[in-house]
Amino acid sequence: MKTSVIIPVKTFQKSKTRLQLSEEKTNKLCRLLLEEVIRTIHESKLIDKTIVVTNEEQISDIIEKYSCEKIKDEHETSVNDAVKLAEEYLLENEFTHSIVLPLDVPFFESDDLKKLLDFSENESVIVVPSRHFDGTNALLRTPINSMTPRYDEGSYSFQIESAKTSNVKISVGLVYRLMLDIDNPEDLEFVLKHNIKPEFCQKIKSIIE
């Protein structure tokens, strides 16, 4: 078992536009979210390699700090294409498991990753939806090319549809902390109200207030 996490990261000026924050606050928030996701992965000791697919130059220090692999995404055409870039690296290096995580799901803990990996089987896909069931917050594939991801289409149901055509076992993982993301002001208000990681939530507040 050789496990990876893929994190596609758009340049910050193109990220989180629905939050309607200033450029400075957006940059700080994106860095904060990304580092929390990578830190949690790193401290879990469950992942062999974290791969950041990006054209953003402001995160080189975070990538180096946690010994991530950076794959340059010069064109930023789509999340699907970013994941495909990472797949090429993973296949060359014989990885068996791949979890795709966005940068805006910072509230999970090591136990949540363990649940996903413990539940995984050969020739299987686990999809963790967002809390509104309108997006994909985590996608675990075994093997890593067991199905073609369909991000950018608005619903986790497209991932399930793609997996069905690939003749693999499909599971929907209702992992609460992984289902929390920050995509719009309502999401931001929700996660701060529930205060799942109090110190981290305080850091968010210090940026946006």
Protein backbone atom coordinates (compact mmCIF):
# COMPACT_ATOMS: atom_id res chain seq x y z
CA MET A 1 0.00 0.00 0.00
CA LYS A 2 1.47 3.30 -1.14
CA THR A 3 -0.80 6.25 -0.50
CA SER A 4 -0.88 9.80 -1.82
CA VAL A 5 -2.95 12.93 -1.42
CA ILE A 6 -3.45 15.25 -4.39
CA ILE A 7 -4.26 18.90 -3.63
CA PRO A 8 -5.09 21.02 -6.69
CA VAL A 9 -4.44 24.70 -5.87
CA LYS A 10 -5.47 27.52 -8.20
CA THR A 11 -3.51 30.74 -8.06
CA PHE A 12 -4.92 32.70 -5.16
CA GLN A 13 -6.14 35.60 -7.29
CA LYS A 14 -8.54 33.13 -8.95
CA SER A 15 -9.58 31.47 -5.69
CA LYS A 16 -12.45 32.00 -3.28
CA THR A 17 -14.01 34.82 -5.28
CA ARG A 18 -17.44 34.12 -3.79
CA LEU A 19 -16.15 35.14 -0.38
CA GLN A 20 -15.74 38.68 -1.73
CA LEU A 21 -12.64 39.39 0.31
CA SER A 22 -9.85 41.78 -0.60
CA GLU A 23 -6.88 40.35 -2.50
CA GLU A 24 -4.72 40.53 0.62
CA LYS A 25 -7.27 38.72 2.79
CA THR A 26 -7.89 36.10 0.09
CA ASN A 27 -4.18 35.36 -0.15
CA LYS A 28 -3.82 35.04 3.61
CA LEU A 29 -6.91 32.86 3.93
CA CYS A 30 -5.89 30.51 1.11
CA ARG A 31 -2.43 30.08 2.62
CA LEU A 32 -3.96 29.38 6.02
CA LEU A 33 -6.41 26.80 4.65
CA LEU A 34 -3.78 25.04 2.57
CA GLU A 35 -1.26 24.81 5.40
CA GLU A 36 -3.86 23.39 7.78
CA VAL A 37 -4.84 20.70 5.26
CA ILE A 38 -1.19 19.78 4.61
CA ARG A 39 -0.26 19.92 8.31
CA THR A 40 -3.08 17.53 9.23
CA ILE A 41 -2.05 15.13 6.47
CA HIS A 42 1.59 15.30 7.51
CA GLU A 43 0.90 14.70 11.20
CA SER A 44 -1.41 11.76 10.46
CA LYS A 45 1.59 9.64 9.31
CA LEU A 46 -0.84 7.82 7.00
CA ILE A 47 0.21 9.36 3.69
CA ASP A 48 3.42 8.55 1.83
CA LYS A 49 3.42 11.66 -0.34
CA THR A 50 1.35 14.84 -0.58
CA ILE A 51 1.28 16.32 -4.06
CA VAL A 52 0.37 19.97 -4.64
CA VAL A 53 -0.59 20.76 -8.23
CA THR A 54 -0.34 24.51 -8.67
CA ASN A 55 0.97 27.56 -10.44
CA GLU A 56 0.88 29.62 -7.25
CA GLU A 57 4.31 30.88 -6.20
CA GLN A 58 3.32 32.08 -2.72
CA ILE A 59 3.23 28.59 -1.21
CA SER A 60 6.75 27.31 -1.91
CA ASP A 61 7.64 27.62 1.78
CA ILE A 62 4.66 25.49 2.85
CA ILE A 63 5.48 22.83 0.25
CA GLU A 64 9.09 22.71 1.41
CA LYS A 65 8.20 22.72 5.12
CA TYR A 66 6.11 19.56 4.80
CA SER A 67 8.20 17.85 2.10
CA CYS A 68 5.41 17.87 -0.47
CA GLU A 69 5.87 17.19 -4.16
CA LYS A 70 5.01 20.20 -6.31
CA ILE A 71 3.72 19.68 -9.84
CA LYS A 72 3.43 22.85 -11.87
CA ASP A 73 0.04 23.55 -13.43
CA GLU A 74 0.85 26.34 -15.85
CA HIS A 75 -2.50 26.44 -17.67
CA GLU A 76 -4.95 25.90 -14.77
CA THR A 77 -7.59 24.63 -17.18
CA SER A 78 -9.55 22.57 -14.64
CA VAL A 79 -9.38 20.50 -11.47
CA ASN A 80 -9.72 17.39 -13.65
CA ASP A 81 -6.59 18.31 -15.60
CA ALA A 82 -4.70 19.11 -12.40
CA VAL A 83 -5.54 15.67 -11.01
CA LYS A 84 -4.42 14.07 -14.26
CA LEU A 85 -1.03 15.78 -13.98
CA ALA A 86 -0.59 14.24 -10.55
CA GLU A 87 -1.70 10.81 -11.78
CA GLU A 88 1.21 10.67 -14.20
CA TYR A 89 3.64 11.11 -11.30
CA LEU A 90 1.80 8.57 -9.15
CA LEU A 91 1.74 5.90 -11.83
CA GLU A 92 5.44 6.34 -12.51
CA ASN A 93 6.15 5.92 -8.79
CA GLU A 94 3.80 2.96 -8.27
CA PHE A 95 1.32 4.49 -5.83
CA THR A 96 -1.75 2.37 -5.08
CA HIS A 97 -4.12 4.78 -3.30
CA SER A 98 -4.94 8.39 -4.09
CA ILE A 99 -7.07 10.86 -2.14
CA VAL A 100 -7.97 14.13 -3.86
CA LEU A 101 -8.59 16.95 -1.38
CA PRO A 102 -9.29 20.63 -2.08
CA LEU A 103 -7.52 23.28 -0.01
CA ASP A 104 -10.77 24.45 1.59
CA VAL A 105 -11.51 21.37 3.76
CA PRO A 106 -9.28 22.17 6.76
CA PHE A 107 -11.49 20.76 9.52
CA PHE A 108 -10.74 17.05 9.21
CA GLU A 109 -8.47 15.12 11.58
CA SER A 110 -6.17 12.12 11.19
CA ASP A 111 -8.98 9.76 12.23
CA ASP A 112 -11.03 10.87 9.24
CA LEU A 113 -8.27 9.89 6.82
CA LYS A 114 -7.88 6.58 8.63
CA LYS A 115 -11.60 5.85 8.24
CA LEU A 116 -11.37 6.37 4.50
CA LEU A 117 -8.28 4.22 4.09
CA ASP A 118 -9.57 1.44 6.34
CA PHE A 119 -12.74 1.26 4.29
CA SER A 120 -11.01 1.22 0.91
CA GLU A 121 -10.75 -1.95 -1.17
CA ASN A 122 -9.06 -2.90 -4.43
CA GLU A 123 -10.94 -1.58 -7.45
CA SER A 124 -12.96 0.87 -5.40
CA VAL A 125 -13.90 4.53 -5.16
CA ILE A 126 -15.05 6.45 -2.08
CA VAL A 127 -16.68 9.84 -2.61
CA VAL A 128 -17.12 12.27 0.29
CA PRO A 129 -19.64 14.97 -0.66
CA SER A 130 -19.86 18.49 0.69
CA ARG A 131 -22.45 19.09 3.42
CA HIS A 132 -24.87 20.40 0.79
CA PHE A 133 -24.19 17.36 -1.43
CA ASP A 134 -23.33 19.75 -4.26
CA GLY A 135 -19.61 19.05 -4.54
CA THR A 136 -16.84 16.51 -3.88
CA ASN A 137 -14.78 17.16 -0.75
CA ALA A 138 -12.69 13.98 -0.94
CA LEU A 139 -12.19 11.32 -3.57
CA LEU A 140 -10.32 8.11 -2.72
CA ARG A 141 -9.44 5.87 -5.66
CA THR A 142 -7.86 2.42 -5.52
CA PRO A 143 -6.02 2.06 -7.84
CA ILE A 144 -5.29 5.70 -8.51
CA ASN A 145 -6.64 5.57 -12.09
CA SER A 146 -9.67 3.43 -11.30
CA MET A 147 -12.03 6.13 -12.63
CA THR A 148 -11.86 9.48 -14.38
CA PRO A 149 -12.68 12.36 -12.00
CA ARG A 150 -15.46 14.75 -12.99
CA TYR A 151 -14.92 17.89 -11.00
CA ASP A 152 -16.06 21.29 -12.24
CA GLU A 153 -19.53 19.94 -13.01
CA GLY A 154 -21.24 21.01 -9.81
CA SER A 155 -22.16 17.79 -8.04
CA TYR A 156 -20.59 14.75 -6.45
CA SER A 157 -23.13 12.67 -8.36
CA PHE A 158 -21.02 13.14 -11.50
CA GLN A 159 -18.15 11.35 -9.74
CA ILE A 160 -20.45 8.42 -8.99
CA GLU A 161 -21.65 8.39 -12.59
CA SER A 162 -18.05 8.25 -13.81
CA ALA A 163 -17.16 5.47 -11.35
CA LYS A 164 -20.12 3.39 -12.53
CA THR A 165 -18.74 3.35 -16.06
CA SER A 166 -15.40 2.07 -14.72
CA ASN A 167 -16.83 -1.08 -13.11
CA VAL A 168 -15.48 -0.38 -9.61
CA LYS A 169 -17.11 -0.56 -6.20
CA ILE A 170 -18.57 2.82 -5.22
CA SER A 171 -19.16 4.11 -1.69
CA VAL A 172 -20.36 7.46 -0.39
CA GLY A 173 -18.40 8.44 2.71
CA LEU A 174 -20.37 10.64 5.08
CA VAL A 175 -17.38 11.87 7.08
CA TYR A 176 -18.69 14.98 8.81
CA ARG A 177 -15.49 16.98 9.23
CA LEU A 178 -14.45 16.28 5.64
CA MET A 179 -17.87 17.44 4.46
CA LEU A 180 -17.18 20.95 5.78
CA ASP A 181 -15.65 23.40 3.34
CA ILE A 182 -15.35 27.14 2.87
CA ASP A 183 -16.71 28.12 -0.51
CA ASN A 184 -19.02 31.07 0.21
CA PRO A 185 -19.98 33.42 3.07
CA GLU A 186 -22.63 30.97 4.35
CA ASP A 187 -20.01 28.22 4.65
CA LEU A 188 -17.68 30.58 6.45
CA GLU A 189 -20.37 31.58 8.92
CA PHE A 190 -21.30 27.92 9.49
CA VAL A 191 -17.79 26.64 10.26
CA LEU A 192 -16.97 29.57 12.54
CA LYS A 193 -20.21 29.08 14.45
CA HIS A 194 -19.48 25.38 15.03
CA ASN A 195 -15.87 26.13 15.97
CA ILE A 196 -14.57 22.60 15.34
CA LYS A 197 -10.90 23.59 15.54
CA PRO A 198 -11.10 26.58 17.90
CA GLU A 199 -7.51 27.83 17.49
CA PHE A 200 -7.73 27.50 13.73
CA CYS A 201 -11.11 29.25 13.61
CA GLN A 202 -9.59 32.10 15.58
CA LYS A 203 -6.89 32.41 12.91
CA ILE A 204 -9.58 32.64 10.24
CA LYS A 205 -11.37 35.36 12.20
CA SER A 206 -8.15 37.35 12.55
CA ILE A 207 -7.85 37.42 8.75
CA ILE A 208 -11.40 38.22 7.73
CA GLU A 209 -12.37 40.69 10.45
